Amino acid sequence: MTPQLDGLLLADKPPGKTSHDIVDFVRRRFNQRKVGHCGTLDPIATGLLMLVVGRATRVQDLLMSEDKVYEGTLKLGESTDTQDAQGKILESKPVPNLDPATIEAAFQKFTGEFEQIPPMVSAIKKDGVPLYKLAREGKTVERPPRRVRIDKCEILEIAMPCVRFRIHCTKGFYVRTYCHDLGALFGCGGHMSALIRTRSGNFELSKAVRWADLEVAEGADYLARHLISLPEISRIRRT
């Protein structure tokens, strides 16, 4: 009989898979009854996905509440219905001649606290129905803005029409919407073409198990070797 384990698994999510896909894989591959994740990553996104196993599901909400660090790419000139590269292009516009100072100033307008309207393609529920299901039906409903915060923003690379950036933000922040709103500010539209989560709280992507390794792993012993124990979770959170 497979032992039921407790702890936190840091996984490096590949592109093209949902967060639920990874949870379901770990549950089935290692025969664990209780597995959950701490913060959804869109299929287009990669990077740190924190999986709670067994009794660690009790601290799932605490882990989800941590601030996050993302590296993303804004592609200017195209707006999509999902606000990312997987959506249908709604509008294309010429990208203005933007110098680095203008780009930096625009990004800085979104630092600190501000309100963000969540996208229709999201797991937020309206009358018990996830918004993404309504979006599939071609419906759009009013979404109340949410208070979010960016503590730090860095421009990593400008290679027009793309701008690569790193942000430190609160939980519940939609980087897709951030890119959409920046595109609107520049007057040419834009969407998120890539996203990597590199950190959540004090847990780092550099410590995560690679998907290529996880995909071929077998046996509860492998999972046990890579789980962060409950006491260790508390210690890392406090550092």
C-alpha atoms as a PDB file:
ATOM      1  CA  MET A   1       0.000   0.000   0.000  1.00  0.00           C
ATOM      2  CA  THR A   2       1.408   3.398  -1.003  1.00  0.00           C
ATOM      3  CA  PRO A   3       2.124   5.639   2.010  1.00  0.00           C
ATOM      4  CA  GLN A   4       0.233   8.930   2.113  1.00  0.00           C
ATOM      5  CA  LEU A   5       2.776  11.735   2.416  1.00  0.00           C
ATOM      6  CA  ASP A   6       2.687  15.277   3.820  1.00  0.00           C
ATOM      7  CA  GLY A   7       4.591  18.283   2.531  1.00  0.00           C
ATOM      8  CA  LEU A   8       5.151  20.874  -0.159  1.00  0.00           C
ATOM      9  CA  LEU A   9       6.457  20.089  -3.630  1.00  0.00           C
ATOM     10  CA  LEU A  10       7.984  22.882  -5.701  1.00  0.00           C
ATOM     11  CA  ALA A  11       7.410  22.065  -9.375  1.00  0.00           C
ATOM     12  CA  ASP A  12       8.566  23.855 -12.519  1.00  0.00           C
ATOM     13  CA  LYS A  13       5.397  23.956 -14.619  1.00  0.00           C
ATOM     14  CA  PRO A  14       5.896  23.550 -18.369  1.00  0.00           C
ATOM     15  CA  PRO A  15       3.922  25.513 -20.981  1.00  0.00           C
ATOM     16  CA  GLY A  16       0.714  24.052 -22.362  1.00  0.00           C
ATOM     17  CA  LYS A  17      -0.477  22.400 -19.164  1.00  0.00           C
ATOM     18  CA  THR A  18      -2.969  23.726 -16.635  1.00  0.00           C
ATOM     19  CA  SER A  19      -2.218  23.846 -12.934  1.00  0.00           C
ATOM     20  CA  HIS A  20      -4.887  21.172 -12.477  1.00  0.00           C
ATOM     21  CA  ASP A  21      -3.077  18.969 -15.008  1.00  0.00           C
ATOM     22  CA  ILE A  22       0.019  19.013 -12.787  1.00  0.00           C
ATOM     23  CA  VAL A  23      -1.994  18.334  -9.627  1.00  0.00           C
ATOM     24  CA  ASP A  24      -3.777  15.426 -11.298  1.00  0.00           C
ATOM     25  CA  PHE A  25      -0.484  14.020 -12.591  1.00  0.00           C
ATOM     26  CA  VAL A  26       1.157  14.059  -9.140  1.00  0.00           C
ATOM     27  CA  ARG A  27      -1.950  12.568  -7.530  1.00  0.00           C
ATOM     28  CA  ARG A  28      -2.079   9.668  -9.981  1.00  0.00           C
ATOM     29  CA  ARG A  29       1.642   9.086 -10.525  1.00  0.00           C
ATOM     30  CA  PHE A  30       2.468   8.904  -6.816  1.00  0.00           C
ATOM     31  CA  ASN A  31      -0.927   7.546  -5.683  1.00  0.00           C
ATOM     32  CA  GLN A  32      -1.627  10.386  -3.254  1.00  0.00           C
ATOM     33  CA  ARG A  33      -5.226  11.140  -2.272  1.00  0.00           C
ATOM     34  CA  LYS A  34      -4.815  14.790  -1.236  1.00  0.00           C
ATOM     35  CA  VAL A  35      -2.935  17.131  -3.593  1.00  0.00           C
ATOM     36  CA  GLY A  36      -3.647  20.780  -4.290  1.00  0.00           C
ATOM     37  CA  HIS A  37      -1.868  23.823  -5.689  1.00  0.00           C
ATOM     38  CA  CYS A  38      -1.165  27.293  -4.312  1.00  0.00           C
ATOM     39  CA  GLY A  39      -2.013  29.781  -7.042  1.00  0.00           C
ATOM     40  CA  THR A  40      -3.127  29.048 -10.599  1.00  0.00           C
ATOM     41  CA  LEU A  41      -0.768  29.473 -13.529  1.00  0.00           C
ATOM     42  CA  ASP A  42      -2.344  29.847 -16.973  1.00  0.00           C
ATOM     43  CA  PRO A  43      -1.435  27.179 -19.564  1.00  0.00           C
ATOM     44  CA  ILE A  44       0.801  29.695 -21.370  1.00  0.00           C
ATOM     45  CA  ALA A  45       2.711  30.385 -18.145  1.00  0.00           C
ATOM     46  CA  THR A  46       5.664  28.449 -16.778  1.00  0.00           C
ATOM     47  CA  GLY A  47       7.635  28.402 -13.568  1.00  0.00           C
ATOM     48  CA  LEU A  48       7.002  27.866  -9.892  1.00  0.00           C
ATOM     49  CA  LEU A  49       3.886  25.885  -9.036  1.00  0.00           C
ATOM     50  CA  MET A  50       3.621  24.969  -5.365  1.00  0.00           C
ATOM     51  CA  LEU A  51       1.829  21.686  -4.692  1.00  0.00           C
ATOM     52  CA  VAL A  52       0.572  20.790  -1.228  1.00  0.00           C
ATOM     53  CA  VAL A  53       0.329  17.102  -0.370  1.00  0.00           C
ATOM     54  CA  GLY A  54      -1.565  15.460   2.504  1.00  0.00           C
ATOM     55  CA  ARG A  55      -1.682  17.520   5.691  1.00  0.00           C
ATOM     56  CA  ALA A  56       0.103  20.393   3.932  1.00  0.00           C
ATOM     57  CA  THR A  57      -3.252  21.192   2.286  1.00  0.00           C
ATOM     58  CA  ARG A  58      -4.153  22.766   5.648  1.00  0.00           C
ATOM     59  CA  VAL A  59      -1.694  25.609   4.984  1.00  0.00           C
ATOM     60  CA  GLN A  60      -2.715  26.028   1.345  1.00  0.00           C
ATOM     61  CA  ASP A  61      -4.449  29.363   1.953  1.00  0.00           C
ATOM     62  CA  LEU A  62      -1.455  30.720   3.874  1.00  0.00           C
ATOM     63  CA  LEU A  63       0.899  29.814   1.058  1.00  0.00           C
ATOM     64  CA  MET A  64      -1.442  31.271  -1.557  1.00  0.00           C
ATOM     65  CA  SER A  65      -1.511  34.606   0.282  1.00  0.00           C
ATOM     66  CA  GLU A  66       2.217  35.229  -0.294  1.00  0.00           C
ATOM     67  CA  ASP A  67       3.445  37.917  -2.685  1.00  0.00           C
ATOM     68  CA  LYS A  68       4.714  36.715  -6.060  1.00  0.00           C
ATOM     69  CA  VAL A  69       7.545  37.538  -8.485  1.00  0.00           C
ATOM     70  CA  TYR A  70       6.979  37.178 -12.224  1.00  0.00           C
ATOM     71  CA  GLU A  71       9.000  37.725 -15.363  1.00  0.00           C
ATOM     72  CA  GLY A  72       6.726  38.530 -18.263  1.00  0.00           C
ATOM     73  CA  THR A  73       6.770  39.762 -21.838  1.00  0.00           C
ATOM     74  CA  LEU A  74       4.450  42.448 -23.155  1.00  0.00           C
ATOM     75  CA  LYS A  75       3.861  42.384 -26.898  1.00  0.00           C
ATOM     76  CA  LEU A  76       2.600  45.728 -28.169  1.00  0.00           C
ATOM     77  CA  GLY A  77       0.371  46.345 -31.180  1.00  0.00           C
ATOM     78  CA  GLU A  78      -2.114  43.491 -30.707  1.00  0.00           C
ATOM     79  CA  SER A  79      -5.049  43.152 -28.300  1.00  0.00           C
ATOM     80  CA  THR A  80      -6.527  39.682 -27.757  1.00  0.00           C
ATOM     81  CA  ASP A  81      -9.760  38.411 -26.238  1.00  0.00           C
ATOM     82  CA  THR A  82      -7.852  36.556 -23.494  1.00  0.00           C
ATOM     83  CA  GLN A  83      -5.241  39.292 -22.955  1.00  0.00           C
ATOM     84  CA  ASP A  84      -2.509  36.765 -23.782  1.00  0.00           C
ATOM     85  CA  ALA A  85      -0.993  35.100 -26.846  1.00  0.00           C
ATOM     86  CA  GLN A  86      -3.452  32.197 -26.753  1.00  0.00           C
ATOM     87  CA  GLY A  87      -6.421  34.403 -27.553  1.00  0.00           C
ATOM     88  CA  LYS A  88      -7.942  35.668 -30.761  1.00  0.00           C
ATOM     89  CA  ILE A  89      -6.550  38.982 -31.997  1.00  0.00           C
ATOM     90  CA  LEU A  90      -9.243  41.619 -31.631  1.00  0.00           C
ATOM     91  CA  GLU A  91      -7.329  44.623 -32.911  1.00  0.00           C
ATOM     92  CA  SER A  92      -3.946  45.418 -34.436  1.00  0.00           C
ATOM     93  CA  LYS A  93      -2.433  48.888 -34.376  1.00  0.00           C
ATOM     94  CA  PRO A  94       0.946  50.365 -35.317  1.00  0.00           C
ATOM     95  CA  VAL A  95       3.330  50.603 -32.388  1.00  0.00           C
ATOM     96  CA  PRO A  96       4.470  54.186 -31.803  1.00  0.00           C
ATOM     97  CA  ASN A  97       8.138  55.081 -31.609  1.00  0.00           C
ATOM     98  CA  LEU A  98       8.665  54.665 -27.870  1.00  0.00           C
ATOM     99  CA  ASP A  99      11.966  55.520 -26.226  1.00  0.00           C
ATOM    100  CA  PRO A 100      13.141  53.679 -23.077  1.00  0.00           C
ATOM    101  CA  ALA A 101      12.297  56.624 -20.813  1.00  0.00           C
ATOM    102  CA  THR A 102       8.689  56.687 -22.051  1.00  0.00           C
ATOM    103  CA  ILE A 103       8.344  52.945 -21.550  1.00  0.00           C
ATOM    104  CA  GLU A 104       9.837  53.122 -18.061  1.00  0.00           C
ATOM    105  CA  ALA A 105       7.485  55.976 -17.105  1.00  0.00           C
ATOM    106  CA  ALA A 106       4.444  54.003 -18.254  1.00  0.00           C
ATOM    107  CA  PHE A 107       5.431  50.947 -16.202  1.00  0.00           C
ATOM    108  CA  GLN A 108       6.032  53.129 -13.153  1.00  0.00           C
ATOM    109  CA  LYS A 109       2.448  54.421 -13.361  1.00  0.00           C
ATOM    110  CA  PHE A 110       1.340  50.957 -12.298  1.00  0.00           C
ATOM    111  CA  THR A 111       3.560  50.663  -9.224  1.00  0.00           C
ATOM    112  CA  GLY A 112       2.175  50.906  -5.706  1.00  0.00           C
ATOM    113  CA  GLU A 113      -1.506  50.226  -5.040  1.00  0.00           C
ATOM    114  CA  PHE A 114      -4.126  50.540  -7.760  1.00  0.00           C
ATOM    115  CA  GLU A 115      -7.355  48.929  -8.917  1.00  0.00           C
ATOM    116  CA  GLN A 116      -7.389  46.188 -11.521  1.00  0.00           C
ATOM    117  CA  ILE A 117     -10.434  44.767 -13.308  1.00  0.00           C
ATOM    118  CA  PRO A 118     -10.039  40.981 -13.568  1.00  0.00           C
ATOM    119  CA  PRO A 119     -10.229  39.492 -17.083  1.00  0.00           C
ATOM    120  CA  MET A 120     -13.272  37.573 -18.319  1.00  0.00           C
ATOM    121  CA  VAL A 121     -11.090  34.526 -18.932  1.00  0.00           C
ATOM    122  CA  SER A 122     -10.480  33.789 -15.253  1.00  0.00           C
ATOM    123  CA  ALA A 123     -11.630  31.390 -12.540  1.00  0.00           C
ATOM    124  CA  ILE A 124     -13.460  34.137 -10.630  1.00  0.00           C
ATOM    125  CA  LYS A 125     -17.126  33.177 -10.234  1.00  0.00           C
ATOM    126  CA  LYS A 126     -20.274  35.127 -11.075  1.00  0.00           C
ATOM    127  CA  ASP A 127     -23.372  33.605  -9.430  1.00  0.00           C
ATOM    128  CA  GLY A 128     -21.410  30.389  -8.961  1.00  0.00           C
ATOM    129  CA  VAL A 129     -20.245  30.150 -12.588  1.00  0.00           C
ATOM    130  CA  PRO A 130     -16.543  30.677 -13.468  1.00  0.00           C
ATOM    131  CA  LEU A 131     -16.086  33.689 -15.728  1.00  0.00           C
ATOM    132  CA  TYR A 132     -14.116  31.669 -18.281  1.00  0.00           C
ATOM    133  CA  LYS A 133     -17.190  29.518 -18.904  1.00  0.00           C
ATOM    134  CA  LEU A 134     -19.268  32.620 -19.571  1.00  0.00           C
ATOM    135  CA  ALA A 135     -16.518  33.923 -21.851  1.00  0.00           C
ATOM    136  CA  ARG A 136     -16.674  30.692 -23.879  1.00  0.00           C
ATOM    137  CA  GLU A 137     -20.361  31.417 -24.448  1.00  0.00           C
ATOM    138  CA  GLY A 138     -19.478  34.855 -25.756  1.00  0.00           C
ATOM    139  CA  LYS A 139     -20.824  36.580 -22.651  1.00  0.00           C
ATOM    140  CA  THR A 140     -19.250  39.536 -20.879  1.00  0.00           C
ATOM    141  CA  VAL A 141     -20.305  40.524 -17.361  1.00  0.00           C
ATOM    142  CA  GLU A 142     -19.335  43.411 -15.135  1.00  0.00           C
ATOM    143  CA  ARG A 143     -16.357  42.632 -12.893  1.00  0.00           C
ATOM    144  CA  PRO A 144     -15.754  44.805  -9.851  1.00  0.00           C
ATOM    145  CA  PRO A 145     -12.188  46.120  -9.663  1.00  0.00           C
ATOM    146  CA  ARG A 146      -9.815  44.640  -7.117  1.00  0.00           C
ATOM    147  CA  ARG A 147      -7.190  46.444  -5.104  1.00  0.00           C
ATOM    148  CA  VAL A 148      -3.739  45.116  -6.048  1.00  0.00           C
ATOM    149  CA  ARG A 149      -0.161  46.235  -5.511  1.00  0.00           C
ATOM    150  CA  ILE A 150       3.158  46.152  -7.332  1.00  0.00           C
ATOM    151  CA  ASP A 151       6.048  46.702  -4.936  1.00  0.00           C
ATOM    152  CA  LYS A 152       8.777  46.704  -7.570  1.00  0.00           C
ATOM    153  CA  CYS A 153       9.010  46.723 -11.352  1.00  0.00           C
ATOM    154  CA  GLU A 154      12.115  46.282 -13.516  1.00  0.00           C
ATOM    155  CA  ILE A 155      12.426  46.531 -17.291  1.00  0.00           C
ATOM    156  CA  LEU A 156      14.679  43.640 -18.313  1.00  0.00           C
ATOM    157  CA  GLU A 157      14.797  44.058 -22.087  1.00  0.00           C
ATOM    158  CA  ILE A 158      13.273  46.218 -24.804  1.00  0.00           C
ATOM    159  CA  ALA A 159      13.136  44.597 -28.248  1.00  0.00           C
ATOM    160  CA  MET A 160      10.183  46.263 -29.902  1.00  0.00           C
ATOM    161  CA  PRO A 161       7.390  45.390 -30.184  1.00  0.00           C
ATOM    162  CA  CYS A 162       8.190  43.387 -27.034  1.00  0.00           C
ATOM    163  CA  VAL A 163       9.146  44.528 -23.545  1.00  0.00           C
ATOM    164  CA  ARG A 164      10.369  42.002 -20.990  1.00  0.00           C
ATOM    165  CA  PHE A 165       9.872  42.912 -17.328  1.00  0.00           C
ATOM    166  CA  ARG A 166      10.005  41.616 -13.750  1.00  0.00           C
ATOM    167  CA  ILE A 167       7.400  42.530 -11.133  1.00  0.00           C
ATOM    168  CA  HIS A 168       6.947  41.889  -7.414  1.00  0.00           C
ATOM    169  CA  CYS A 169       3.191  41.872  -6.784  1.00  0.00           C
ATOM    170  CA  THR A 170       0.413  40.795  -4.452  1.00  0.00           C
ATOM    171  CA  LYS A 171      -1.598  37.592  -4.780  1.00  0.00           C
ATOM    172  CA  GLY A 172      -4.549  37.735  -7.158  1.00  0.00           C
ATOM    173  CA  PHE A 173      -2.678  39.991  -9.576  1.00  0.00           C
ATOM    174  CA  TYR A 174      -3.365  39.341 -13.259  1.00  0.00           C
ATOM    175  CA  VAL A 175      -0.239  39.902 -15.335  1.00  0.00           C
ATOM    176  CA  ARG A 176      -2.334  39.417 -18.488  1.00  0.00           C
ATOM    177  CA  THR A 177      -4.488  42.380 -17.509  1.00  0.00           C
ATOM    178  CA  TYR A 178      -1.383  44.362 -16.585  1.00  0.00           C
ATOM    179  CA  CYS A 179      -0.068  43.877 -20.128  1.00  0.00           C
ATOM    180  CA  HIS A 180      -3.466  44.723 -21.620  1.00  0.00           C
ATOM    181  CA  ASP A 181      -3.683  47.927 -19.588  1.00  0.00           C
ATOM    182  CA  LEU A 182      -0.135  48.955 -20.512  1.00  0.00           C
ATOM    183  CA  GLY A 183      -0.972  48.432 -24.171  1.00  0.00           C
ATOM    184  CA  ALA A 184      -4.000  50.695 -23.779  1.00  0.00           C
ATOM    185  CA  LEU A 185      -1.825  53.316 -22.088  1.00  0.00           C
ATOM    186  CA  PHE A 186       0.588  53.266 -25.027  1.00  0.00           C
ATOM    187  CA  GLY A 187      -2.390  53.658 -27.378  1.00  0.00           C
ATOM    188  CA  CYS A 188      -1.602  50.624 -29.528  1.00  0.00           C
ATOM    189  CA  GLY A 189      -2.924  47.732 -27.487  1.00  0.00           C
ATOM    190  CA  GLY A 190      -0.921  44.835 -26.151  1.00  0.00           C
ATOM    191  CA  HIS A 191      -1.044  41.383 -24.648  1.00  0.00           C
ATOM    192  CA  MET A 192       1.075  39.033 -22.542  1.00  0.00           C
ATOM    193  CA  SER A 193       3.158  36.772 -24.765  1.00  0.00           C
ATOM    194  CA  ALA A 194       5.112  34.915 -22.048  1.00  0.00           C
ATOM    195  CA  LEU A 195       5.135  34.562 -18.265  1.00  0.00           C
ATOM    196  CA  ILE A 196       7.350  32.854 -15.701  1.00  0.00           C
ATOM    197  CA  ARG A 197       6.654  32.759 -11.962  1.00  0.00           C
ATOM    198  CA  THR A 198      10.055  32.819 -10.297  1.00  0.00           C
ATOM    199  CA  ARG A 199       9.102  33.228  -6.640  1.00  0.00           C
ATOM    200  CA  SER A 200       6.197  32.920  -4.209  1.00  0.00           C
ATOM    201  CA  GLY A 201       6.898  34.238  -0.739  1.00  0.00           C
ATOM    202  CA  ASN A 202      10.292  32.806   0.173  1.00  0.00           C
ATOM    203  CA  PHE A 203       9.979  29.804  -2.144  1.00  0.00           C
ATOM    204  CA  GLU A 204      12.044  30.023  -5.329  1.00  0.00           C
ATOM    205  CA  LEU A 205      11.856  28.484  -8.781  1.00  0.00           C
ATOM    206  CA  SER A 206      15.556  27.572  -8.549  1.00  0.00           C
ATOM    207  CA  LYS A 207      14.624  24.959  -5.906  1.00  0.00           C
ATOM    208  CA  ALA A 208      11.815  23.402  -7.969  1.00  0.00           C
ATOM    209  CA  VAL A 209      11.782  19.932  -9.511  1.00  0.00           C
ATOM    210  CA  ARG A 210      12.066  20.110 -13.303  1.00  0.00           C
ATOM    211  CA  TRP A 211       9.064  18.802 -15.217  1.00  0.00           C
ATOM    212  CA  ALA A 212      11.318  16.570 -17.344  1.00  0.00           C
ATOM    213  CA  ASP A 213      12.419  14.811 -14.131  1.00  0.00           C
ATOM    214  CA  LEU A 214       8.978  14.711 -12.542  1.00  0.00           C
ATOM    215  CA  GLU A 215       7.405  13.296 -15.693  1.00  0.00           C
ATOM    216  CA  VAL A 216       9.503  10.127 -15.581  1.00  0.00           C
ATOM    217  CA  ALA A 217       9.703   9.747 -11.793  1.00  0.00           C
ATOM    218  CA  GLU A 218       8.057   6.788 -10.106  1.00  0.00           C
ATOM    219  CA  GLY A 219       7.337   5.703  -6.566  1.00  0.00           C
ATOM    220  CA  ALA A 220       6.427   7.456  -3.338  1.00  0.00           C
ATOM    221  CA  ASP A 221      10.103   7.424  -2.306  1.00  0.00           C
ATOM    222  CA  TYR A 222      10.911   9.896  -5.092  1.00  0.00           C
ATOM    223  CA  LEU A 223       8.131  12.226  -3.990  1.00  0.00           C
ATOM    224  CA  ALA A 224       9.136  11.927  -0.332  1.00  0.00           C
ATOM    225  CA  ARG A 225      12.720  12.978  -1.148  1.00  0.00           C
ATOM    226  CA  HIS A 226      11.497  16.184  -2.794  1.00  0.00           C
ATOM    227  CA  LEU A 227       8.811  17.224  -0.318  1.00  0.00           C
ATOM    228  CA  ILE A 228       9.415  20.133   2.046  1.00  0.00           C
ATOM    229  CA  SER A 229       8.157  19.071   5.479  1.00  0.00           C
ATOM    230  CA  LEU A 230       5.567  21.007   7.475  1.00  0.00           C
ATOM    231  CA  PRO A 231       8.130  22.332  10.010  1.00  0.00           C
ATOM    232  CA  GLU A 232      10.431  23.347   7.144  1.00  0.00           C
ATOM    233  CA  ILE A 233       7.567  25.149   5.396  1.00  0.00           C
ATOM    234  CA  SER A 234       7.044  27.252   8.522  1.00  0.00           C
ATOM    235  CA  ARG A 235      10.768  27.966   8.840  1.00  0.00           C
ATOM    236  CA  ILE A 236      11.108  29.107   5.207  1.00  0.00           C
ATOM    237  CA  ARG A 237       8.019  31.306   5.456  1.00  0.00           C
ATOM    238  CA  ARG A 238       9.470  33.107   8.460  1.00  0.00           C
ATOM    239  CA  THR A 239      12.931  33.787   6.961  1.00  0.00           C
END
